[in-house]
Amino acid sequence: MKTQYTVRTTKDGKMMFTKDVEIVTKEHDELVLAITEHIGYDTEDAEIYAQWLKNTCLDAYRSEYELRRKIH
């Protein structure tokens, strides 16, 4: 299973990802590159953030899947 992401920055510089936007599948290296280019993190911080983002997205996906399974 591939995880999908959208990385955005708010006006006050905070990071967020959203589910309401069509999101693009990225491999880990592409995600790190996107974070360094668009957010301005150095590579080491981008690696950490990319891993956190992947874990968070996967947890959200699993939670939503479990909820849908219980409803149906």
PDB file of N, CA and C in Angstrom:
ATOM      1  N   MET A   1       0.844  -1.184   0.000  1.00  0.00           N
ATOM      2  CA  MET A   1       0.000   0.000   0.000  1.00  0.00           C
ATOM      3  C   MET A   1       0.884   1.240   0.000  1.00  0.00           C
ATOM      4  N   LYS A   2       0.581   2.174  -0.869  1.00  0.00           N
ATOM      5  CA  LYS A   2       1.308   3.436  -0.895  1.00  0.00           C
ATOM      6  C   LYS A   2       0.536   4.465  -0.090  1.00  0.00           C
ATOM      7  N   THR A   3       1.269   5.300   0.596  1.00  0.00           N
ATOM      8  CA  THR A   3       0.657   6.370   1.377  1.00  0.00           C
ATOM      9  C   THR A   3       0.660   7.635   0.544  1.00  0.00           C
ATOM     10  N   GLN A   4      -0.365   8.456   0.673  1.00  0.00           N
ATOM     11  CA  GLN A   4      -0.471   9.687  -0.101  1.00  0.00           C
ATOM     12  C   GLN A   4      -0.396  10.889   0.833  1.00  0.00           C
ATOM     13  N   TYR A   5       0.160  11.981   0.323  1.00  0.00           N
ATOM     14  CA  TYR A   5       0.407  13.161   1.154  1.00  0.00           C
ATOM     15  C   TYR A   5       0.086  14.444   0.421  1.00  0.00           C
ATOM     16  N   THR A   6      -0.236  15.473   1.159  1.00  0.00           N
ATOM     17  CA  THR A   6      -0.181  16.853   0.698  1.00  0.00           C
ATOM     18  C   THR A   6       0.492  17.627   1.817  1.00  0.00           C
ATOM     19  N   VAL A   7       1.593  18.274   1.519  1.00  0.00           N
ATOM     20  CA  VAL A   7       2.293  19.073   2.511  1.00  0.00           C
ATOM     21  C   VAL A   7       2.027  20.530   2.184  1.00  0.00           C
ATOM     22  N   ARG A   8       1.567  21.286   3.154  1.00  0.00           N
ATOM     23  CA  ARG A   8       1.270  22.709   2.949  1.00  0.00           C
ATOM     24  C   ARG A   8       1.806  23.499   4.127  1.00  0.00           C
ATOM     25  N   THR A   9       2.018  24.773   3.891  1.00  0.00           N
ATOM     26  CA  THR A   9       2.360  25.659   5.002  1.00  0.00           C
ATOM     27  C   THR A   9       1.264  26.705   5.126  1.00  0.00           C
ATOM     28  N   THR A  10       0.922  27.029   6.349  1.00  0.00           N
ATOM     29  CA  THR A  10      -0.078  28.063   6.594  1.00  0.00           C
ATOM     30  C   THR A  10       0.607  29.425   6.557  1.00  0.00           C
ATOM     31  N   LYS A  11      -0.163  30.491   6.615  1.00  0.00           N
ATOM     32  CA  LYS A  11       0.401  31.842   6.563  1.00  0.00           C
ATOM     33  C   LYS A  11       1.360  32.117   7.712  1.00  0.00           C
ATOM     34  N   ASP A  12       1.121  31.496   8.855  1.00  0.00           N
ATOM     35  CA  ASP A  12       2.014  31.714   9.994  1.00  0.00           C
ATOM     36  C   ASP A  12       3.187  30.743  10.020  1.00  0.00           C
ATOM     37  N   GLY A  13       3.380  29.988   8.937  1.00  0.00           N
ATOM     38  CA  GLY A  13       4.550  29.122   8.802  1.00  0.00           C
ATOM     39  C   GLY A  13       4.398  27.728   9.383  1.00  0.00           C
ATOM     40  N   LYS A  14       3.225  27.380   9.895  1.00  0.00           N
ATOM     41  CA  LYS A  14       3.013  26.040  10.438  1.00  0.00           C
ATOM     42  C   LYS A  14       2.769  25.057   9.302  1.00  0.00           C
ATOM     43  N   MET A  15       3.096  23.793   9.561  1.00  0.00           N
ATOM     44  CA  MET A  15       2.906  22.757   8.550  1.00  0.00           C
ATOM     45  C   MET A  15       1.607  22.019   8.806  1.00  0.00           C
ATOM     46  N   MET A  16       0.994  21.545   7.741  1.00  0.00           N
ATOM     47  CA  MET A  16      -0.216  20.753   7.887  1.00  0.00           C
ATOM     48  C   MET A  16      -0.360  19.865   6.657  1.00  0.00           C
ATOM     49  N   PHE A  17      -1.173  18.853   6.761  1.00  0.00           N
ATOM     50  CA  PHE A  17      -1.576  18.099   5.586  1.00  0.00           C
ATOM     51  C   PHE A  17      -3.081  17.957   5.634  1.00  0.00           C
ATOM     52  N   THR A  18      -3.696  17.862   4.473  1.00  0.00           N
ATOM     53  CA  THR A  18      -5.150  17.846   4.445  1.00  0.00           C
ATOM     54  C   THR A  18      -5.654  16.636   3.662  1.00  0.00           C
ATOM     55  N   LYS A  19      -6.859  16.208   4.003  1.00  0.00           N
ATOM     56  CA  LYS A  19      -7.492  15.095   3.314  1.00  0.00           C
ATOM     57  C   LYS A  19      -8.459  15.584   2.241  1.00  0.00           C
ATOM     58  N   ASP A  20      -8.808  16.864   2.268  1.00  0.00           N
ATOM     59  CA  ASP A  20      -9.835  17.373   1.366  1.00  0.00           C
ATOM     60  C   ASP A  20      -9.271  17.768   0.002  1.00  0.00           C
ATOM     61  N   VAL A  21      -8.017  17.509  -0.243  1.00  0.00           N
ATOM     62  CA  VAL A  21      -7.367  17.867  -1.497  1.00  0.00           C
ATOM     63  C   VAL A  21      -6.936  16.566  -2.168  1.00  0.00           C
ATOM     64  N   GLU A  22      -6.995  16.508  -3.471  1.00  0.00           N
ATOM     65  CA  GLU A  22      -6.464  15.332  -4.150  1.00  0.00           C
ATOM     66  C   GLU A  22      -4.960  15.334  -3.935  1.00  0.00           C
ATOM     67  N   ILE A  23      -4.442  14.240  -3.426  1.00  0.00           N
ATOM     68  CA  ILE A  23      -3.045  14.221  -3.009  1.00  0.00           C
ATOM     69  C   ILE A  23      -2.208  13.301  -3.882  1.00  0.00           C
ATOM     70  N   VAL A  24      -0.935  13.593  -3.949  1.00  0.00           N
ATOM     71  CA  VAL A  24      -0.027  12.931  -4.875  1.00  0.00           C
ATOM     72  C   VAL A  24       0.796  11.893  -4.134  1.00  0.00           C
ATOM     73  N   THR A  25       0.934  10.722  -4.714  1.00  0.00           N
ATOM     74  CA  THR A  25       1.746   9.672  -4.115  1.00  0.00           C
ATOM     75  C   THR A  25       3.214  10.007  -4.330  1.00  0.00           C
ATOM     76  N   LYS A  26       3.970   9.943  -3.258  1.00  0.00           N
ATOM     77  CA  LYS A  26       5.403  10.217  -3.348  1.00  0.00           C
ATOM     78  C   LYS A  26       6.170   9.132  -2.603  1.00  0.00           C
ATOM     79  N   GLU A  27       7.272   8.707  -3.171  1.00  0.00           N
ATOM     80  CA  GLU A  27       8.171   7.815  -2.459  1.00  0.00           C
ATOM     81  C   GLU A  27       8.911   8.652  -1.423  1.00  0.00           C
ATOM     82  N   HIS A  28       9.571   8.004  -0.482  1.00  0.00           N
ATOM     83  CA  HIS A  28      10.215   8.712   0.629  1.00  0.00           C
ATOM     84  C   HIS A  28      11.192   9.800   0.154  1.00  0.00           C
ATOM     85  N   ASP A  29      12.073   9.476  -0.795  1.00  0.00           N
ATOM     86  CA  ASP A  29      13.060  10.454  -1.258  1.00  0.00           C
ATOM     87  C   ASP A  29      12.394  11.653  -1.931  1.00  0.00           C
ATOM     88  N   GLU A  30      11.330  11.408  -2.683  1.00  0.00           N
ATOM     89  CA  GLU A  30      10.606  12.505  -3.330  1.00  0.00           C
ATOM     90  C   GLU A  30       9.917  13.378  -2.291  1.00  0.00           C
ATOM     91  N   LEU A  31       9.395  12.754  -1.244  1.00  0.00           N
ATOM     92  CA  LEU A  31       8.745  13.505  -0.183  1.00  0.00           C
ATOM     93  C   LEU A  31       9.760  14.380   0.545  1.00  0.00           C
ATOM     94  N   VAL A  32      10.934  13.835   0.847  1.00  0.00           N
ATOM     95  CA  VAL A  32      11.986  14.610   1.510  1.00  0.00           C
ATOM     96  C   VAL A  32      12.389  15.798   0.637  1.00  0.00           C
ATOM     97  N   LEU A  33      12.538  15.566  -0.649  1.00  0.00           N
ATOM     98  CA  LEU A  33      12.899  16.646  -1.571  1.00  0.00           C
ATOM     99  C   LEU A  33      11.820  17.728  -1.584  1.00  0.00           C
ATOM    100  N   ALA A  34      10.557  17.315  -1.617  1.00  0.00           N
ATOM    101  CA  ALA A  34       9.456  18.282  -1.607  1.00  0.00           C
ATOM    102  C   ALA A  34       9.474  19.113  -0.326  1.00  0.00           C
ATOM    103  N   ILE A  35       9.744  18.473   0.796  1.00  0.00           N
ATOM    104  CA  ILE A  35       9.786  19.186   2.073  1.00  0.00           C
ATOM    105  C   ILE A  35      10.942  20.182   2.099  1.00  0.00           C
ATOM    106  N   THR A  36      12.105  19.773   1.620  1.00  0.00           N
ATOM    107  CA  THR A  36      13.250  20.694   1.632  1.00  0.00           C
ATOM    108  C   THR A  36      13.019  21.869   0.688  1.00  0.00           C
ATOM    109  N   GLU A  37      12.426  21.615  -0.474  1.00  0.00           N
ATOM    110  CA  GLU A  37      12.214  22.687  -1.448  1.00  0.00           C
ATOM    111  C   GLU A  37      11.081  23.626  -1.049  1.00  0.00           C
ATOM    112  N   HIS A  38       9.974  23.093  -0.571  1.00  0.00           N
ATOM    113  CA  HIS A  38       8.784  23.918  -0.340  1.00  0.00           C
ATOM    114  C   HIS A  38       8.679  24.481   1.071  1.00  0.00           C
ATOM    115  N   ILE A  39       9.253  23.782   2.037  1.00  0.00           N
ATOM    116  CA  ILE A  39       9.157  24.249   3.415  1.00  0.00           C
ATOM    117  C   ILE A  39      10.484  24.870   3.864  1.00  0.00           C
ATOM    118  N   GLY A  40      11.574  24.447   3.248  1.00  0.00           N
ATOM    119  CA  GLY A  40      12.866  25.026   3.583  1.00  0.00           C
ATOM    120  C   GLY A  40      13.620  24.293   4.682  1.00  0.00           C
ATOM    121  N   TYR A  41      13.199  23.089   5.019  1.00  0.00           N
ATOM    122  CA  TYR A  41      13.920  22.306   6.025  1.00  0.00           C
ATOM    123  C   TYR A  41      15.233  21.821   5.438  1.00  0.00           C
ATOM    124  N   ASP A  42      16.236  21.598   6.306  1.00  0.00           N
ATOM    125  CA  ASP A  42      17.438  20.934   5.817  1.00  0.00           C
ATOM    126  C   ASP A  42      17.117  19.443   5.685  1.00  0.00           C
ATOM    127  N   THR A  43      17.996  18.699   5.060  1.00  0.00           N
ATOM    128  CA  THR A  43      17.712  17.298   4.723  1.00  0.00           C
ATOM    129  C   THR A  43      17.429  16.442   5.957  1.00  0.00           C
ATOM    130  N   GLU A  44      18.202  16.634   7.018  1.00  0.00           N
ATOM    131  CA  GLU A  44      18.008  15.815   8.222  1.00  0.00           C
ATOM    132  C   GLU A  44      16.630  16.061   8.843  1.00  0.00           C
ATOM    133  N   ASP A  45      16.244  17.323   8.976  1.00  0.00           N
ATOM    134  CA  ASP A  45      14.912  17.636   9.514  1.00  0.00           C
ATOM    135  C   ASP A  45      13.813  17.158   8.578  1.00  0.00           C
ATOM    136  N   ALA A  46      14.051  17.267   7.286  1.00  0.00           N
ATOM    137  CA  ALA A  46      13.063  16.804   6.304  1.00  0.00           C
ATOM    138  C   ALA A  46      12.865  15.292   6.401  1.00  0.00           C
ATOM    139  N   GLU A  47      13.941  14.554   6.630  1.00  0.00           N
ATOM    140  CA  GLU A  47      13.846  13.093   6.805  1.00  0.00           C
ATOM    141  C   GLU A  47      12.952  12.760   8.004  1.00  0.00           C
ATOM    142  N   ILE A  48      13.171  13.466   9.105  1.00  0.00           N
ATOM    143  CA  ILE A  48      12.394  13.229  10.320  1.00  0.00           C
ATOM    144  C   ILE A  48      10.923  13.580  10.080  1.00  0.00           C
ATOM    145  N   TYR A  49      10.679  14.732   9.465  1.00  0.00           N
ATOM    146  CA  TYR A  49       9.307  15.154   9.207  1.00  0.00           C
ATOM    147  C   TYR A  49       8.609  14.211   8.227  1.00  0.00           C
ATOM    148  N   ALA A  50       9.331  13.763   7.210  1.00  0.00           N
ATOM    149  CA  ALA A  50       8.752  12.841   6.229  1.00  0.00           C
ATOM    150  C   ALA A  50       8.314  11.542   6.919  1.00  0.00           C
ATOM    151  N   GLN A  51       9.145  11.026   7.816  1.00  0.00           N
ATOM    152  CA  GLN A  51       8.794   9.795   8.520  1.00  0.00           C
ATOM    153  C   GLN A  51       7.586  10.014   9.415  1.00  0.00           C
ATOM    154  N   TRP A  52       7.556  11.155  10.125  1.00  0.00           N
ATOM    155  CA  TRP A  52       6.413  11.478  10.977  1.00  0.00           C
ATOM    156  C   TRP A  52       5.137  11.588  10.135  1.00  0.00           C
ATOM    157  N   LEU A  53       5.251  12.256   8.993  1.00  0.00           N
ATOM    158  CA  LEU A  53       4.096  12.450   8.125  1.00  0.00           C
ATOM    159  C   LEU A  53       3.580  11.113   7.596  1.00  0.00           C
ATOM    160  N   LYS A  54       4.491  10.245   7.185  1.00  0.00           N
ATOM    161  CA  LYS A  54       4.081   8.928   6.700  1.00  0.00           C
ATOM    162  C   LYS A  54       3.349   8.149   7.797  1.00  0.00           C
ATOM    163  N   ASN A  55       3.904   8.165   9.006  1.00  0.00           N
ATOM    164  CA  ASN A  55       3.273   7.446  10.120  1.00  0.00           C
ATOM    165  C   ASN A  55       1.907   8.030  10.442  1.00  0.00           C
ATOM    166  N   THR A  56       1.800   9.343  10.447  1.00  0.00           N
ATOM    167  CA  THR A  56       0.539  10.009  10.753  1.00  0.00           C
ATOM    168  C   THR A  56      -0.510   9.686   9.699  1.00  0.00           C
ATOM    169  N   CYS A  57      -0.134   9.745   8.433  1.00  0.00           N
ATOM    170  CA  CYS A  57      -1.070   9.433   7.353  1.00  0.00           C
ATOM    171  C   CYS A  57      -1.517   7.982   7.448  1.00  0.00           C
ATOM    172  N   LEU A  58      -0.594   7.095   7.738  1.00  0.00           N
ATOM    173  CA  LEU A  58      -0.929   5.683   7.837  1.00  0.00           C
ATOM    174  C   LEU A  58      -1.879   5.441   9.010  1.00  0.00           C
ATOM    175  N   ASP A  59      -1.628   6.104  10.145  1.00  0.00           N
ATOM    176  CA  ASP A  59      -2.522   5.975  11.297  1.00  0.00           C
ATOM    177  C   ASP A  59      -3.914   6.494  10.965  1.00  0.00           C
ATOM    178  N   ALA A  60      -3.987   7.634  10.278  1.00  0.00           N
ATOM    179  CA  ALA A  60      -5.277   8.210   9.897  1.00  0.00           C
ATOM    180  C   ALA A  60      -6.012   7.270   8.950  1.00  0.00           C
ATOM    181  N   TYR A  61      -5.279   6.694   8.003  1.00  0.00           N
ATOM    182  CA  TYR A  61      -5.881   5.755   7.057  1.00  0.00           C
ATOM    183  C   TYR A  61      -6.442   4.540   7.804  1.00  0.00           C
ATOM    184  N   ARG A  62      -5.659   3.989   8.709  1.00  0.00           N
ATOM    185  CA  ARG A  62      -6.101   2.813   9.466  1.00  0.00           C
ATOM    186  C   ARG A  62      -7.321   3.134  10.320  1.00  0.00           C
ATOM    187  N   SER A  63      -7.318   4.306  10.974  1.00  0.00           N
ATOM    188  CA  SER A  63      -8.452   4.700  11.811  1.00  0.00           C
ATOM    189  C   SER A  63      -9.720   4.833  10.977  1.00  0.00           C
ATOM    190  N   GLU A  64      -9.596   5.481   9.831  1.00  0.00           N
ATOM    191  CA  GLU A  64     -10.751   5.660   8.959  1.00  0.00           C
ATOM    192  C   GLU A  64     -11.244   4.309   8.439  1.00  0.00           C
ATOM    193  N   TYR A  65     -10.326   3.429   8.079  1.00  0.00           N
ATOM    194  CA  TYR A  65     -10.680   2.105   7.591  1.00  0.00           C
ATOM    195  C   TYR A  65     -11.429   1.322   8.673  1.00  0.00           C
ATOM    196  N   GLU A  66     -10.914   1.347   9.898  1.00  0.00           N
ATOM    197  CA  GLU A  66     -11.559   0.636  11.005  1.00  0.00           C
ATOM    198  C   GLU A  66     -12.956   1.192  11.275  1.00  0.00           C
ATOM    199  N   LEU A  67     -13.080   2.506  11.252  1.00  0.00           N
ATOM    200  CA  LEU A  67     -14.374   3.141  11.482  1.00  0.00           C
ATOM    201  C   LEU A  67     -15.377   2.729  10.407  1.00  0.00           C
ATOM    202  N   ARG A  68     -14.964   2.759   9.160  1.00  0.00           N
ATOM    203  CA  ARG A  68     -15.867   2.358   8.069  1.00  0.00           C
ATOM    204  C   ARG A  68     -16.262   0.892   8.194  1.00  0.00           C
ATOM    205  N   ARG A  69     -15.314   0.058   8.602  1.00  0.00           N
ATOM    206  CA  ARG A  69     -15.599  -1.358   8.760  1.00  0.00           C
ATOM    207  C   ARG A  69     -16.640  -1.586   9.848  1.00  0.00           C
ATOM    208  N   LYS A  70     -16.557  -0.822  10.939  1.00  0.00           N
ATOM    209  CA  LYS A  70     -17.519  -0.959  12.033  1.00  0.00           C
ATOM    210  C   LYS A  70     -18.900  -0.467  11.623  1.00  0.00           C
ATOM    211  N   ILE A  71     -18.956   0.571  10.819  1.00  0.00           N
ATOM    212  CA  ILE A  71     -20.236   1.136  10.385  1.00  0.00           C
ATOM    213  C   ILE A  71     -20.954   0.183   9.436  1.00  0.00           C
ATOM    214  N   HIS A  72     -20.205  -0.434   8.531  1.00  0.00           N
ATOM    215  CA  HIS A  72     -20.829  -1.324   7.537  1.00  0.00           C
ATOM    216  C   HIS A  72     -20.810  -2.690   8.082  1.00  0.00           C
TER     217      HIS A  72
END
